[in-house]
């Protein structure tokens, strides 16, 4: 491989790691929102009975 190709591969690997981190953070936020909504909806259905 040429130096340019190695540099490009390293940049792509760094970008891939950054994007994986973003996806992981969004998945955690999504899970947290789901938990909050489930708790709120659970309270709403209990209060309406």
PDB file of N, CA and C in Angstrom:
ATOM      1  N   UNK A   1       0.833  -1.189   0.000  1.00  0.00           N
ATOM      2  CA  UNK A   1       0.000   0.000   0.000  1.00  0.00           C
ATOM      3  C   UNK A   1       0.874   1.246   0.000  1.00  0.00           C
ATOM      4  N   UNK A   2       0.367   2.248  -0.645  1.00  0.00           N
ATOM      5  CA  UNK A   2       1.086   3.511  -0.672  1.00  0.00           C
ATOM      6  C   UNK A   2       0.759   4.320   0.577  1.00  0.00           C
ATOM      7  N   UNK A   3       1.591   5.302   0.847  1.00  0.00           N
ATOM      8  CA  UNK A   3       1.404   6.143   2.032  1.00  0.00           C
ATOM      9  C   UNK A   3       0.046   6.835   1.997  1.00  0.00           C
ATOM     10  N   UNK A   4      -0.371   7.277   0.816  1.00  0.00           N
ATOM     11  CA  UNK A   4      -1.655   7.963   0.679  1.00  0.00           C
ATOM     12  C   UNK A   4      -2.813   7.032   1.030  1.00  0.00           C
ATOM     13  N   UNK A   5      -2.718   5.786   0.589  1.00  0.00           N
ATOM     14  CA  UNK A   5      -3.766   4.803   0.880  1.00  0.00           C
ATOM     15  C   UNK A   5      -3.818   4.482   2.372  1.00  0.00           C
ATOM     16  N   UNK A   6      -2.645   4.388   2.992  1.00  0.00           N
ATOM     17  CA  UNK A   6      -2.591   4.125   4.429  1.00  0.00           C
ATOM     18  C   UNK A   6      -3.206   5.278   5.216  1.00  0.00           C
ATOM     19  N   UNK A   7      -2.903   6.502   4.785  1.00  0.00           N
ATOM     20  CA  UNK A   7      -3.463   7.682   5.446  1.00  0.00           C
ATOM     21  C   UNK A   7      -4.981   7.687   5.309  1.00  0.00           C
ATOM     22  N   UNK A   8      -5.464   7.401   4.110  1.00  0.00           N
ATOM     23  CA  UNK A   8      -6.906   7.384   3.877  1.00  0.00           C
ATOM     24  C   UNK A   8      -7.576   6.281   4.706  1.00  0.00           C
ATOM     25  N   UNK A   9      -6.943   5.115   4.793  1.00  0.00           N
ATOM     26  CA  UNK A   9      -7.503   4.017   5.582  1.00  0.00           C
ATOM     27  C   UNK A   9      -7.576   4.400   7.059  1.00  0.00           C
ATOM     28  N   UNK A  10      -6.527   5.045   7.564  1.00  0.00           N
ATOM     29  CA  UNK A  10      -6.511   5.479   8.963  1.00  0.00           C
ATOM     30  C   UNK A  10      -7.623   6.489   9.209  1.00  0.00           C
ATOM     31  N   UNK A  11      -7.816   7.423   8.299  1.00  0.00           N
ATOM     32  CA  UNK A  11      -8.882   8.414   8.440  1.00  0.00           C
ATOM     33  C   UNK A  11     -10.255   7.750   8.437  1.00  0.00           C
ATOM     34  N   UNK A  12     -10.435   6.766   7.565  1.00  0.00           N
ATOM     35  CA  UNK A  12     -11.712   6.052   7.511  1.00  0.00           C
ATOM     36  C   UNK A  12     -11.958   5.256   8.790  1.00  0.00           C
ATOM     37  N   UNK A  13     -10.913   4.654   9.329  1.00  0.00           N
ATOM     38  CA  UNK A  13     -11.049   3.909  10.583  1.00  0.00           C
ATOM     39  C   UNK A  13     -11.414   4.843  11.733  1.00  0.00           C
ATOM     40  N   UNK A  14     -10.814   6.031  11.757  1.00  0.00           N
ATOM     41  CA  UNK A  14     -11.141   7.013  12.796  1.00  0.00           C
ATOM     42  C   UNK A  14     -12.584   7.490  12.657  1.00  0.00           C
ATOM     43  N   UNK A  15     -13.006   7.752  11.440  1.00  0.00           N
ATOM     44  CA  UNK A  15     -14.386   8.176  11.190  1.00  0.00           C
ATOM     45  C   UNK A  15     -15.358   7.065  11.582  1.00  0.00           C
ATOM     46  N   UNK A  16     -15.018   5.833  11.267  1.00  0.00           N
ATOM     47  CA  UNK A  16     -15.856   4.690  11.622  1.00  0.00           C
ATOM     48  C   UNK A  16     -16.000   4.584  13.141  1.00  0.00           C
ATOM     49  N   UNK A  17     -14.916   4.755  13.862  1.00  0.00           N
ATOM     50  CA  UNK A  17     -14.954   4.705  15.329  1.00  0.00           C
ATOM     51  C   UNK A  17     -15.820   5.834  15.880  1.00  0.00           C
ATOM     52  N   UNK A  18     -15.692   7.016  15.288  1.00  0.00           N
ATOM     53  CA  UNK A  18     -16.497   8.167  15.727  1.00  0.00           C
ATOM     54  C   UNK A  18     -17.983   7.901  15.498  1.00  0.00           C
ATOM     55  N   UNK A  19     -18.318   7.361  14.339  1.00  0.00           N
ATOM     56  CA  UNK A  19     -19.717   7.077  14.023  1.00  0.00           C
ATOM     57  C   UNK A  19     -20.279   5.970  14.911  1.00  0.00           C
ATOM     58  N   UNK A  20     -19.472   4.968  15.203  1.00  0.00           N
ATOM     59  CA  UNK A  20     -19.914   3.900  16.110  1.00  0.00           C
ATOM     60  C   UNK A  20     -20.222   4.466  17.490  1.00  0.00           C
ATOM     61  N   UNK A  21     -19.404   5.406  17.937  1.00  0.00           N
ATOM     62  CA  UNK A  21     -19.627   6.043  19.229  1.00  0.00           C
ATOM     63  C   UNK A  21     -20.936   6.835  19.224  1.00  0.00           C
ATOM     64  N   UNK A  22     -21.193   7.533  18.134  1.00  0.00           N
ATOM     65  CA  UNK A  22     -22.441   8.293  18.010  1.00  0.00           C
ATOM     66  C   UNK A  22     -23.637   7.355  18.057  1.00  0.00           C
ATOM     67  N   UNK A  23     -23.566   6.261  17.333  1.00  0.00           N
ATOM     68  CA  UNK A  23     -24.666   5.286  17.311  1.00  0.00           C
ATOM     69  C   UNK A  23     -24.889   4.718  18.710  1.00  0.00           C
ATOM     70  N   UNK A  24     -23.824   4.390  19.410  1.00  0.00           N
ATOM     71  CA  UNK A  24     -23.955   3.843  20.763  1.00  0.00           C
ATOM     72  C   UNK A  24     -24.608   4.853  21.698  1.00  0.00           C
ATOM     73  N   UNK A  25     -24.199   6.113  21.610  1.00  0.00           N
ATOM     74  CA  UNK A  25     -24.795   7.154  22.451  1.00  0.00           C
ATOM     75  C   UNK A  25     -26.267   7.354  22.129  1.00  0.00           C
ATOM     76  N   UNK A  26     -26.608   7.348  20.853  1.00  0.00           N
ATOM     77  CA  UNK A  26     -28.012   7.505  20.469  1.00  0.00           C
ATOM     78  C   UNK A  26     -28.854   6.327  20.938  1.00  0.00           C
ATOM     79  N   UNK A  27     -28.291   5.134  20.894  1.00  0.00           N
ATOM     80  CA  UNK A  27     -29.016   3.954  21.371  1.00  0.00           C
ATOM     81  C   UNK A  27     -29.285   4.070  22.868  1.00  0.00           C
ATOM     82  N   UNK A  28     -28.306   4.548  23.629  1.00  0.00           N
ATOM     83  CA  UNK A  28     -28.504   4.742  25.069  1.00  0.00           C
ATOM     84  C   UNK A  28     -29.566   5.801  25.344  1.00  0.00           C
ATOM     85  N   UNK A  29     -29.515   6.911  24.611  1.00  0.00           N
ATOM     86  CA  UNK A  29     -30.517   7.961  24.779  1.00  0.00           C
ATOM     87  C   UNK A  29     -31.902   7.448  24.425  1.00  0.00           C
ATOM     88  N   UNK A  30     -31.996   6.689  23.356  1.00  0.00           N
ATOM     89  CA  UNK A  30     -33.270   6.116  22.922  1.00  0.00           C
ATOM     90  C   UNK A  30     -33.835   5.202  24.005  1.00  0.00           C
ATOM     91  N   UNK A  31     -32.987   4.387  24.587  1.00  0.00           N
ATOM     92  CA  UNK A  31     -33.416   3.480  25.651  1.00  0.00           C
ATOM     93  C   UNK A  31     -33.897   4.267  26.867  1.00  0.00           C
ATOM     94  N   UNK A  32     -33.184   5.329  27.213  1.00  0.00           N
ATOM     95  CA  UNK A  32     -33.576   6.156  28.354  1.00  0.00           C
ATOM     96  C   UNK A  32     -34.933   6.810  28.110  1.00  0.00           C
ATOM     97  N   UNK A  33     -35.152   7.323  26.913  1.00  0.00           N
ATOM     98  CA  UNK A  33     -36.435   7.948  26.574  1.00  0.00           C
ATOM     99  C   UNK A  33     -37.558   6.921  26.645  1.00  0.00           C
ATOM    100  N   UNK A  34     -37.304   5.733  26.131  1.00  0.00           N
ATOM    101  CA  UNK A  34     -38.316   4.670  26.192  1.00  0.00           C
ATOM    102  C   UNK A  34     -38.676   4.347  27.635  1.00  0.00           C
ATOM    103  N   UNK A  35     -37.670   4.261  28.499  1.00  0.00           N
ATOM    104  CA  UNK A  35     -37.930   3.964  29.910  1.00  0.00           C
ATOM    105  C   UNK A  35     -38.767   5.055  30.564  1.00  0.00           C
ATOM    106  N   UNK A  36     -38.454   6.301  30.288  1.00  0.00           N
ATOM    107  CA  UNK A  36     -39.218   7.414  30.857  1.00  0.00           C
ATOM    108  C   UNK A  36     -40.655   7.371  30.359  1.00  0.00           C
ATOM    109  N   UNK A  37     -40.835   7.156  29.067  1.00  0.00           N
ATOM    110  CA  UNK A  37     -42.191   7.102  28.513  1.00  0.00           C
ATOM    111  C   UNK A  37     -42.985   5.936  29.085  1.00  0.00           C
ATOM    112  N   UNK A  38     -42.344   4.791  29.237  1.00  0.00           N
ATOM    113  CA  UNK A  38     -43.035   3.634  29.809  1.00  0.00           C
ATOM    114  C   UNK A  38     -43.497   3.935  31.229  1.00  0.00           C
ATOM    115  N   UNK A  39     -42.657   4.598  32.017  1.00  0.00           N
ATOM    116  CA  UNK A  39     -43.029   4.948  33.387  1.00  0.00           C
ATOM    117  C   UNK A  39     -44.172   5.950  33.392  1.00  0.00           C
ATOM    118  N   UNK A  40     -44.092   6.966  32.524  1.00  0.00           N
ATOM    119  CA  UNK A  40     -45.157   7.972  32.472  1.00  0.00           C
ATOM    120  C   UNK A  40     -46.453   7.363  31.975  1.00  0.00           C
ATOM    121  N   UNK A  41     -46.378   6.541  30.949  1.00  0.00           N
ATOM    122  CA  UNK A  41     -47.591   5.914  30.425  1.00  0.00           C
ATOM    123  C   UNK A  41     -48.179   4.951  31.445  1.00  0.00           C
ATOM    124  N   UNK A  42     -47.325   4.272  32.177  1.00  0.00           N
ATOM    125  CA  UNK A  42     -47.797   3.373  33.226  1.00  0.00           C
ATOM    126  C   UNK A  42     -48.559   4.132  34.295  1.00  0.00           C
ATOM    127  N   UNK A  43     -48.080   5.304  34.662  1.00  0.00           N
ATOM    128  CA  UNK A  43     -48.760   6.141  35.649  1.00  0.00           C
ATOM    129  C   UNK A  43     -50.075   6.666  35.103  1.00  0.00           C
ATOM    130  N   UNK A  44     -50.076   7.034  33.828  1.00  0.00           N
ATOM    131  CA  UNK A  44     -51.305   7.558  33.228  1.00  0.00           C
ATOM    132  C   UNK A  44     -52.391   6.499  33.190  1.00  0.00           C
ATOM    133  N   UNK A  45     -52.040   5.292  32.810  1.00  0.00           N
ATOM    134  CA  UNK A  45     -53.056   4.236  32.735  1.00  0.00           C
ATOM    135  C   UNK A  45     -53.528   3.844  34.125  1.00  0.00           C
ATOM    136  N   UNK A  46     -52.642   3.901  35.111  1.00  0.00           N
ATOM    137  CA  UNK A  46     -53.026   3.582  36.488  1.00  0.00           C
ATOM    138  C   UNK A  46     -53.944   4.665  37.044  1.00  0.00           C
ATOM    139  N   UNK A  47     -53.674   5.917  36.727  1.00  0.00           N
ATOM    140  CA  UNK A  47     -54.486   7.035  37.217  1.00  0.00           C
ATOM    141  C   UNK A  47     -55.855   7.081  36.559  1.00  0.00           C
ATOM    142  N   UNK A  48     -55.989   6.575  35.361  1.00  0.00           N
ATOM    143  CA  UNK A  48     -57.255   6.630  34.631  1.00  0.00           C
ATOM    144  C   UNK A  48     -58.224   5.541  35.051  1.00  0.00           C
ATOM    145  N   UNK A  49     -57.796   4.565  35.813  1.00  0.00           N
ATOM    146  CA  UNK A  49     -58.670   3.447  36.197  1.00  0.00           C
ATOM    147  C   UNK A  49     -59.582   3.814  37.325  1.00  0.00           C
TER     148      UNK A  49
END
